[in-house]
Amino acid sequence: MSDEVEKRLATLGALLELKEAVAQGDLKAAQACRDKRLILAVDLFIGDRKRHDALQQLFDESGRWMRGNGSADKVREALKRAIPLFEH
């Protein structure tokens, strides 16, 4: 498996983990995923503007939600935009 495919699959796993945490309203699990996995994924795709921008938006929206300045709906919307970019 190529590095690119491995990076995409690892990122997809992080996105699905975050999606599950948001669905359950589990701020602690969402924060752990964001701080340990999502932040790394943002850097991995710096050369792929479309994926990078989707991840950056998700990182920003999830941070707002965790601080109480945003909504879970905005995080879900960002996830809906990001996940398809990593499925194929």
PDB file of N, CA and C in Angstrom:
ATOM      1  N   MET A   1       0.844  -1.177   0.000  1.00  0.00           N
ATOM      2  CA  MET A   1       0.000   0.000   0.000  1.00  0.00           C
ATOM      3  C   MET A   1       0.889   1.240   0.000  1.00  0.00           C
ATOM      4  N   SER A   2       0.549   2.203  -0.808  1.00  0.00           N
ATOM      5  CA  SER A   2       1.375   3.407  -0.902  1.00  0.00           C
ATOM      6  C   SER A   2       1.198   4.301   0.316  1.00  0.00           C
ATOM      7  N   ASP A   3       2.183   5.167   0.521  1.00  0.00           N
ATOM      8  CA  ASP A   3       2.115   6.108   1.638  1.00  0.00           C
ATOM      9  C   ASP A   3       0.869   6.979   1.564  1.00  0.00           C
ATOM     10  N   GLU A   4       0.532   7.400   0.351  1.00  0.00           N
ATOM     11  CA  GLU A   4      -0.639   8.261   0.160  1.00  0.00           C
ATOM     12  C   GLU A   4      -1.917   7.555   0.615  1.00  0.00           C
ATOM     13  N   VAL A   5      -2.062   6.301   0.237  1.00  0.00           N
ATOM     14  CA  VAL A   5      -3.245   5.528   0.624  1.00  0.00           C
ATOM     15  C   VAL A   5      -3.266   5.331   2.132  1.00  0.00           C
ATOM     16  N   GLU A   6      -2.131   5.019   2.709  1.00  0.00           N
ATOM     17  CA  GLU A   6      -2.047   4.831   4.160  1.00  0.00           C
ATOM     18  C   GLU A   6      -2.414   6.112   4.908  1.00  0.00           C
ATOM     19  N   LYS A   7      -1.937   7.241   4.426  1.00  0.00           N
ATOM     20  CA  LYS A   7      -2.273   8.528   5.066  1.00  0.00           C
ATOM     21  C   LYS A   7      -3.770   8.803   4.965  1.00  0.00           C
ATOM     22  N   ARG A   8      -4.339   8.534   3.790  1.00  0.00           N
ATOM     23  CA  ARG A   8      -5.781   8.756   3.603  1.00  0.00           C
ATOM     24  C   ARG A   8      -6.600   7.866   4.525  1.00  0.00           C
ATOM     25  N   LEU A   9      -6.219   6.592   4.627  1.00  0.00           N
ATOM     26  CA  LEU A   9      -6.966   5.660   5.479  1.00  0.00           C
ATOM     27  C   LEU A   9      -6.836   6.021   6.955  1.00  0.00           C
ATOM     28  N   ALA A  10      -5.648   6.409   7.369  1.00  0.00           N
ATOM     29  CA  ALA A  10      -5.449   6.820   8.767  1.00  0.00           C
ATOM     30  C   ALA A  10      -6.277   8.065   9.082  1.00  0.00           C
ATOM     31  N   THR A  11      -6.320   8.989   8.131  1.00  0.00           N
ATOM     32  CA  THR A  11      -7.098  10.205   8.328  1.00  0.00           C
ATOM     33  C   THR A  11      -8.585   9.892   8.343  1.00  0.00           C
ATOM     34  N   LEU A  12      -9.023   9.025   7.455  1.00  0.00           N
ATOM     35  CA  LEU A  12     -10.424   8.616   7.443  1.00  0.00           C
ATOM     36  C   LEU A  12     -10.803   7.992   8.789  1.00  0.00           C
ATOM     37  N   GLY A  13      -9.919   7.176   9.332  1.00  0.00           N
ATOM     38  CA  GLY A  13     -10.169   6.590  10.654  1.00  0.00           C
ATOM     39  C   GLY A  13     -10.339   7.651  11.727  1.00  0.00           C
ATOM     40  N   ALA A  14      -9.503   8.676  11.686  1.00  0.00           N
ATOM     41  CA  ALA A  14      -9.613   9.772  12.652  1.00  0.00           C
ATOM     42  C   ALA A  14     -10.924  10.528  12.475  1.00  0.00           C
ATOM     43  N   LEU A  15     -11.313  10.759  11.225  1.00  0.00           N
ATOM     44  CA  LEU A  15     -12.567  11.471  10.955  1.00  0.00           C
ATOM     45  C   LEU A  15     -13.763  10.671  11.447  1.00  0.00           C
ATOM     46  N   LEU A  16     -13.760   9.373  11.220  1.00  0.00           N
ATOM     47  CA  LEU A  16     -14.867   8.536  11.679  1.00  0.00           C
ATOM     48  C   LEU A  16     -14.907   8.454  13.206  1.00  0.00           C
ATOM     49  N   GLU A  17     -13.744   8.440  13.825  1.00  0.00           N
ATOM     50  CA  GLU A  17     -13.675   8.445  15.287  1.00  0.00           C
ATOM     51  C   GLU A  17     -14.258   9.751  15.839  1.00  0.00           C
ATOM     52  N   LEU A  18     -13.906  10.863  15.226  1.00  0.00           N
ATOM     53  CA  LEU A  18     -14.437  12.152  15.650  1.00  0.00           C
ATOM     54  C   LEU A  18     -15.939  12.216  15.408  1.00  0.00           C
ATOM     55  N   LYS A  19     -16.383  11.698  14.280  1.00  0.00           N
ATOM     56  CA  LYS A  19     -17.820  11.681  13.967  1.00  0.00           C
ATOM     57  C   LYS A  19     -18.595  10.937  15.049  1.00  0.00           C
ATOM     58  N   GLU A  20     -18.086   9.808  15.473  1.00  0.00           N
ATOM     59  CA  GLU A  20     -18.732   9.012  16.517  1.00  0.00           C
ATOM     60  C   GLU A  20     -18.769   9.776  17.851  1.00  0.00           C
ATOM     61  N   ALA A  21     -17.666  10.424  18.186  1.00  0.00           N
ATOM     62  CA  ALA A  21     -17.607  11.189  19.435  1.00  0.00           C
ATOM     63  C   ALA A  21     -18.611  12.342  19.419  1.00  0.00           C
ATOM     64  N   VAL A  22     -18.718  13.019  18.296  1.00  0.00           N
ATOM     65  CA  VAL A  22     -19.673  14.125  18.167  1.00  0.00           C
ATOM     66  C   VAL A  22     -21.098  13.592  18.254  1.00  0.00           C
ATOM     67  N   ALA A  23     -21.366  12.474  17.599  1.00  0.00           N
ATOM     68  CA  ALA A  23     -22.708  11.875  17.624  1.00  0.00           C
ATOM     69  C   ALA A  23     -23.128  11.525  19.050  1.00  0.00           C
ATOM     70  N   GLN A  24     -22.169  11.118  19.860  1.00  0.00           N
ATOM     71  CA  GLN A  24     -22.456  10.755  21.245  1.00  0.00           C
ATOM     72  C   GLN A  24     -22.362  11.950  22.195  1.00  0.00           C
ATOM     73  N   GLY A  25     -21.932  13.097  21.670  1.00  0.00           N
ATOM     74  CA  GLY A  25     -21.755  14.273  22.516  1.00  0.00           C
ATOM     75  C   GLY A  25     -20.618  14.106  23.514  1.00  0.00           C
ATOM     76  N   ASP A  26     -19.659  13.276  23.167  1.00  0.00           N
ATOM     77  CA  ASP A  26     -18.534  12.957  24.053  1.00  0.00           C
ATOM     78  C   ASP A  26     -17.378  13.925  23.800  1.00  0.00           C
ATOM     79  N   LEU A  27     -17.384  15.023  24.545  1.00  0.00           N
ATOM     80  CA  LEU A  27     -16.356  16.048  24.361  1.00  0.00           C
ATOM     81  C   LEU A  27     -14.951  15.528  24.652  1.00  0.00           C
ATOM     82  N   LYS A  28     -14.845  14.673  25.660  1.00  0.00           N
ATOM     83  CA  LYS A  28     -13.523  14.151  26.034  1.00  0.00           C
ATOM     84  C   LYS A  28     -12.924  13.306  24.905  1.00  0.00           C
ATOM     85  N   ALA A  29     -13.725  12.418  24.332  1.00  0.00           N
ATOM     86  CA  ALA A  29     -13.242  11.578  23.229  1.00  0.00           C
ATOM     87  C   ALA A  29     -12.959  12.424  21.993  1.00  0.00           C
ATOM     88  N   ALA A  30     -13.823  13.401  21.732  1.00  0.00           N
ATOM     89  CA  ALA A  30     -13.616  14.286  20.583  1.00  0.00           C
ATOM     90  C   ALA A  30     -12.315  15.077  20.744  1.00  0.00           C
ATOM     91  N   GLN A  31     -12.084  15.575  21.935  1.00  0.00           N
ATOM     92  CA  GLN A  31     -10.865  16.354  22.172  1.00  0.00           C
ATOM     93  C   GLN A  31      -9.621  15.484  22.022  1.00  0.00           C
ATOM     94  N   ALA A  32      -9.685  14.256  22.525  1.00  0.00           N
ATOM     95  CA  ALA A  32      -8.538  13.348  22.397  1.00  0.00           C
ATOM     96  C   ALA A  32      -8.239  13.077  20.924  1.00  0.00           C
ATOM     97  N   CYS A  33      -9.274  12.820  20.149  1.00  0.00           N
ATOM     98  CA  CYS A  33      -9.087  12.570  18.710  1.00  0.00           C
ATOM     99  C   CYS A  33      -8.530  13.813  18.026  1.00  0.00           C
ATOM    100  N   ARG A  34      -9.092  14.961  18.334  1.00  0.00           N
ATOM    101  CA  ARG A  34      -8.661  16.222  17.715  1.00  0.00           C
ATOM    102  C   ARG A  34      -7.202  16.519  18.052  1.00  0.00           C
ATOM    103  N   ASP A  35      -6.855  16.383  19.317  1.00  0.00           N
ATOM    104  CA  ASP A  35      -5.514  16.758  19.776  1.00  0.00           C
ATOM    105  C   ASP A  35      -4.428  15.768  19.376  1.00  0.00           C
ATOM    106  N   LYS A  36      -4.794  14.493  19.206  1.00  0.00           N
ATOM    107  CA  LYS A  36      -3.786  13.478  18.912  1.00  0.00           C
ATOM    108  C   LYS A  36      -3.737  13.065  17.455  1.00  0.00           C
ATOM    109  N   ARG A  37      -4.887  13.092  16.767  1.00  0.00           N
ATOM    110  CA  ARG A  37      -4.919  12.561  15.401  1.00  0.00           C
ATOM    111  C   ARG A  37      -5.238  13.610  14.350  1.00  0.00           C
ATOM    112  N   LEU A  38      -6.240  14.427  14.612  1.00  0.00           N
ATOM    113  CA  LEU A  38      -6.664  15.392  13.600  1.00  0.00           C
ATOM    114  C   LEU A  38      -5.592  16.438  13.333  1.00  0.00           C
ATOM    115  N   ILE A  39      -4.927  16.900  14.368  1.00  0.00           N
ATOM    116  CA  ILE A  39      -3.883  17.915  14.186  1.00  0.00           C
ATOM    117  C   ILE A  39      -2.752  17.387  13.302  1.00  0.00           C
ATOM    118  N   LEU A  40      -2.437  16.106  13.425  1.00  0.00           N
ATOM    119  CA  LEU A  40      -1.405  15.504  12.572  1.00  0.00           C
ATOM    120  C   LEU A  40      -1.876  15.399  11.128  1.00  0.00           C
ATOM    121  N   ALA A  41      -3.154  15.061  10.952  1.00  0.00           N
ATOM    122  CA  ALA A  41      -3.701  14.928   9.599  1.00  0.00           C
ATOM    123  C   ALA A  41      -3.674  16.260   8.854  1.00  0.00           C
ATOM    124  N   VAL A  42      -3.943  17.340   9.557  1.00  0.00           N
ATOM    125  CA  VAL A  42      -3.906  18.667   8.919  1.00  0.00           C
ATOM    126  C   VAL A  42      -2.525  18.893   8.305  1.00  0.00           C
ATOM    127  N   ASP A  43      -1.488  18.555   9.035  1.00  0.00           N
ATOM    128  CA  ASP A  43      -0.122  18.736   8.535  1.00  0.00           C
ATOM    129  C   ASP A  43       0.236  17.757   7.417  1.00  0.00           C
ATOM    130  N   LEU A  44      -0.298  16.549   7.472  1.00  0.00           N
ATOM    131  CA  LEU A  44       0.015  15.544   6.442  1.00  0.00           C
ATOM    132  C   LEU A  44      -0.437  15.968   5.052  1.00  0.00           C
ATOM    133  N   PHE A  45      -1.510  16.745   4.984  1.00  0.00           N
ATOM    134  CA  PHE A  45      -2.087  17.088   3.687  1.00  0.00           C
ATOM    135  C   PHE A  45      -1.864  18.547   3.319  1.00  0.00           C
ATOM    136  N   ILE A  46      -0.794  19.129   3.800  1.00  0.00           N
ATOM    137  CA  ILE A  46      -0.484  20.534   3.507  1.00  0.00           C
ATOM    138  C   ILE A  46      -0.331  20.768   2.001  1.00  0.00           C
ATOM    139  N   GLY A  47       0.116  19.747   1.271  1.00  0.00           N
ATOM    140  CA  GLY A  47       0.310  19.883  -0.174  1.00  0.00           C
ATOM    141  C   GLY A  47      -0.944  19.644  -0.999  1.00  0.00           C
ATOM    142  N   ASP A  48      -2.009  19.207  -0.368  1.00  0.00           N
ATOM    143  CA  ASP A  48      -3.277  18.929  -1.047  1.00  0.00           C
ATOM    144  C   ASP A  48      -4.297  19.938  -0.521  1.00  0.00           C
ATOM    145  N   ARG A  49      -4.419  21.024  -1.239  1.00  0.00           N
ATOM    146  CA  ARG A  49      -5.207  22.164  -0.743  1.00  0.00           C
ATOM    147  C   ARG A  49      -6.641  21.803  -0.366  1.00  0.00           C
ATOM    148  N   LYS A  50      -7.297  21.019  -1.199  1.00  0.00           N
ATOM    149  CA  LYS A  50      -8.698  20.681  -0.942  1.00  0.00           C
ATOM    150  C   LYS A  50      -8.846  19.895   0.366  1.00  0.00           C
ATOM    151  N   ARG A  51      -8.041  18.867   0.524  1.00  0.00           N
ATOM    152  CA  ARG A  51      -8.103  18.066   1.751  1.00  0.00           C
ATOM    153  C   ARG A  51      -7.623  18.867   2.955  1.00  0.00           C
ATOM    154  N   HIS A  52      -6.545  19.592   2.777  1.00  0.00           N
ATOM    155  CA  HIS A  52      -6.007  20.390   3.884  1.00  0.00           C
ATOM    156  C   HIS A  52      -7.039  21.401   4.374  1.00  0.00           C
ATOM    157  N   ASP A  53      -7.673  22.107   3.442  1.00  0.00           N
ATOM    158  CA  ASP A  53      -8.664  23.118   3.829  1.00  0.00           C
ATOM    159  C   ASP A  53      -9.852  22.490   4.556  1.00  0.00           C
ATOM    160  N   ALA A  54     -10.293  21.324   4.100  1.00  0.00           N
ATOM    161  CA  ALA A  54     -11.410  20.638   4.761  1.00  0.00           C
ATOM    162  C   ALA A  54     -11.024  20.221   6.178  1.00  0.00           C
ATOM    163  N   LEU A  55      -9.811  19.704   6.338  1.00  0.00           N
ATOM    164  CA  LEU A  55      -9.335  19.309   7.671  1.00  0.00           C
ATOM    165  C   LEU A  55      -9.145  20.513   8.576  1.00  0.00           C
ATOM    166  N   GLN A  56      -8.607  21.599   8.026  1.00  0.00           N
ATOM    167  CA  GLN A  56      -8.396  22.801   8.822  1.00  0.00           C
ATOM    168  C   GLN A  56      -9.728  23.361   9.303  1.00  0.00           C
ATOM    169  N   GLN A  57     -10.731  23.375   8.422  1.00  0.00           N
ATOM    170  CA  GLN A  57     -12.049  23.866   8.812  1.00  0.00           C
ATOM    171  C   GLN A  57     -12.632  22.979   9.917  1.00  0.00           C
ATOM    172  N   LEU A  58     -12.487  21.673   9.783  1.00  0.00           N
ATOM    173  CA  LEU A  58     -12.976  20.749  10.798  1.00  0.00           C
ATOM    174  C   LEU A  58     -12.239  20.969  12.116  1.00  0.00           C
ATOM    175  N   PHE A  59     -10.933  21.154  12.047  1.00  0.00           N
ATOM    176  CA  PHE A  59     -10.148  21.405  13.254  1.00  0.00           C
ATOM    177  C   PHE A  59     -10.643  22.676  13.953  1.00  0.00           C
ATOM    178  N   ASP A  60     -10.877  23.721  13.174  1.00  0.00           N
ATOM    179  CA  ASP A  60     -11.346  24.987  13.740  1.00  0.00           C
ATOM    180  C   ASP A  60     -12.750  24.860  14.332  1.00  0.00           C
ATOM    181  N   GLU A  61     -13.667  24.242  13.590  1.00  0.00           N
ATOM    182  CA  GLU A  61     -15.049  24.098  14.067  1.00  0.00           C
ATOM    183  C   GLU A  61     -15.117  23.208  15.308  1.00  0.00           C
ATOM    184  N   SER A  62     -14.341  22.137  15.311  1.00  0.00           N
ATOM    185  CA  SER A  62     -14.368  21.253  16.483  1.00  0.00           C
ATOM    186  C   SER A  62     -13.787  21.951  17.705  1.00  0.00           C
ATOM    187  N   GLY A  63     -12.800  22.783  17.502  1.00  0.00           N
ATOM    188  CA  GLY A  63     -12.245  23.547  18.620  1.00  0.00           C
ATOM    189  C   GLY A  63     -13.258  24.519  19.196  1.00  0.00           C
ATOM    190  N   ARG A  64     -13.998  25.190  18.319  1.00  0.00           N
ATOM    191  CA  ARG A  64     -15.048  26.104  18.790  1.00  0.00           C
ATOM    192  C   ARG A  64     -16.099  25.355  19.592  1.00  0.00           C
ATOM    193  N   TRP A  65     -16.512  24.200  19.076  1.00  0.00           N
ATOM    194  CA  TRP A  65     -17.524  23.388  19.758  1.00  0.00           C
ATOM    195  C   TRP A  65     -17.033  22.975  21.150  1.00  0.00           C
ATOM    196  N   MET A  66     -15.797  22.544  21.234  1.00  0.00           N
ATOM    197  CA  MET A  66     -15.255  22.085  22.509  1.00  0.00           C
ATOM    198  C   MET A  66     -15.113  23.212  23.529  1.00  0.00           C
ATOM    199  N   ARG A  67     -14.889  24.415  23.038  1.00  0.00           N
ATOM    200  CA  ARG A  67     -14.778  25.573  23.941  1.00  0.00           C
ATOM    201  C   ARG A  67     -16.136  26.185  24.275  1.00  0.00           C
ATOM    202  N   GLY A  68     -17.194  25.667  23.653  1.00  0.00           N
ATOM    203  CA  GLY A  68     -18.529  26.185  23.905  1.00  0.00           C
ATOM    204  C   GLY A  68     -18.887  27.382  23.042  1.00  0.00           C
ATOM    205  N   ASN A  69     -18.074  27.681  22.024  1.00  0.00           N
ATOM    206  CA  ASN A  69     -18.319  28.822  21.141  1.00  0.00           C
ATOM    207  C   ASN A  69     -18.905  28.412  19.797  1.00  0.00           C
ATOM    208  N   GLY A  70     -19.152  27.142  19.611  1.00  0.00           N
ATOM    209  CA  GLY A  70     -19.669  26.639  18.340  1.00  0.00           C
ATOM    210  C   GLY A  70     -20.682  25.553  18.599  1.00  0.00           C
ATOM    211  N   SER A  71     -21.141  24.944  17.534  1.00  0.00           N
ATOM    212  CA  SER A  71     -22.158  23.901  17.691  1.00  0.00           C
ATOM    213  C   SER A  71     -21.696  22.578  17.087  1.00  0.00           C
ATOM    214  N   ALA A  72     -22.276  21.516  17.611  1.00  0.00           N
ATOM    215  CA  ALA A  72     -21.992  20.189  17.072  1.00  0.00           C
ATOM    216  C   ALA A  72     -22.477  20.088  15.631  1.00  0.00           C
ATOM    217  N   ASP A  73     -23.534  20.827  15.299  1.00  0.00           N
ATOM    218  CA  ASP A  73     -24.040  20.800  13.918  1.00  0.00           C
ATOM    219  C   ASP A  73     -22.988  21.298  12.925  1.00  0.00           C
ATOM    220  N   LYS A  74     -22.252  22.330  13.298  1.00  0.00           N
ATOM    221  CA  LYS A  74     -21.198  22.846  12.408  1.00  0.00           C
ATOM    222  C   LYS A  74     -20.075  21.817  12.254  1.00  0.00           C
ATOM    223  N   VAL A  75     -19.784  21.094  13.323  1.00  0.00           N
ATOM    224  CA  VAL A  75     -18.763  20.039  13.252  1.00  0.00           C
ATOM    225  C   VAL A  75     -19.261  18.925  12.336  1.00  0.00           C
ATOM    226  N   ARG A  76     -20.531  18.556  12.477  1.00  0.00           N
ATOM    227  CA  ARG A  76     -21.101  17.519  11.609  1.00  0.00           C
ATOM    228  C   ARG A  76     -21.048  17.944  10.142  1.00  0.00           C
ATOM    229  N   GLU A  77     -21.364  19.203   9.867  1.00  0.00           N
ATOM    230  CA  GLU A  77     -21.298  19.720   8.495  1.00  0.00           C
ATOM    231  C   GLU A  77     -19.874  19.639   7.947  1.00  0.00           C
ATOM    232  N   ALA A  78     -18.905  20.017   8.770  1.00  0.00           N
ATOM    233  CA  ALA A  78     -17.498  19.964   8.353  1.00  0.00           C
ATOM    234  C   ALA A  78     -17.072  18.510   8.114  1.00  0.00           C
ATOM    235  N   LEU A  79     -17.554  17.605   8.951  1.00  0.00           N
ATOM    236  CA  LEU A  79     -17.257  16.183   8.755  1.00  0.00           C
ATOM    237  C   LEU A  79     -17.871  15.670   7.454  1.00  0.00           C
ATOM    238  N   LYS A  80     -19.092  16.087   7.146  1.00  0.00           N
ATOM    239  CA  LYS A  80     -19.746  15.661   5.901  1.00  0.00           C
ATOM    240  C   LYS A  80     -18.967  16.114   4.677  1.00  0.00           C
ATOM    241  N   ARG A  81     -18.318  17.268   4.773  1.00  0.00           N
ATOM    242  CA  ARG A  81     -17.502  17.756   3.651  1.00  0.00           C
ATOM    243  C   ARG A  81     -16.156  17.032   3.588  1.00  0.00           C
ATOM    244  N   ALA A  82     -15.589  16.723   4.730  1.00  0.00           N
ATOM    245  CA  ALA A  82     -14.236  16.154   4.772  1.00  0.00           C
ATOM    246  C   ALA A  82     -14.201  14.649   4.460  1.00  0.00           C
ATOM    247  N   ILE A  83     -15.112  13.892   5.026  1.00  0.00           N
ATOM    248  CA  ILE A  83     -15.044  12.435   4.908  1.00  0.00           C
ATOM    249  C   ILE A  83     -14.985  11.950   3.455  1.00  0.00           C
ATOM    250  N   PRO A  84     -15.842  12.453   2.557  1.00  0.00           N
ATOM    251  CA  PRO A  84     -15.768  11.947   1.170  1.00  0.00           C
ATOM    252  C   PRO A  84     -14.413  12.191   0.490  1.00  0.00           C
ATOM    253  N   LEU A  85     -13.677  13.180   0.922  1.00  0.00           N
ATOM    254  CA  LEU A  85     -12.364  13.464   0.328  1.00  0.00           C
ATOM    255  C   LEU A  85     -11.326  12.391   0.655  1.00  0.00           C
ATOM    256  N   PHE A  86     -11.618  11.574   1.674  1.00  0.00           N
ATOM    257  CA  PHE A  86     -10.660  10.562   2.104  1.00  0.00           C
ATOM    258  C   PHE A  86     -11.154   9.141   1.860  1.00  0.00           C
ATOM    259  N   GLU A  87     -12.374   9.000   1.353  1.00  0.00           N
ATOM    260  CA  GLU A  87     -12.921   7.671   1.109  1.00  0.00           C
ATOM    261  C   GLU A  87     -12.393   7.039  -0.171  1.00  0.00           C
ATOM    262  N   HIS A  88     -11.926   7.858  -1.108  1.00  0.00           N
ATOM    263  CA  HIS A  88     -11.483   7.313  -2.401  1.00  0.00           C
ATOM    264  C   HIS A  88     -10.073   7.765  -2.727  1.00  0.00           C
TER     265      HIS A  88
END
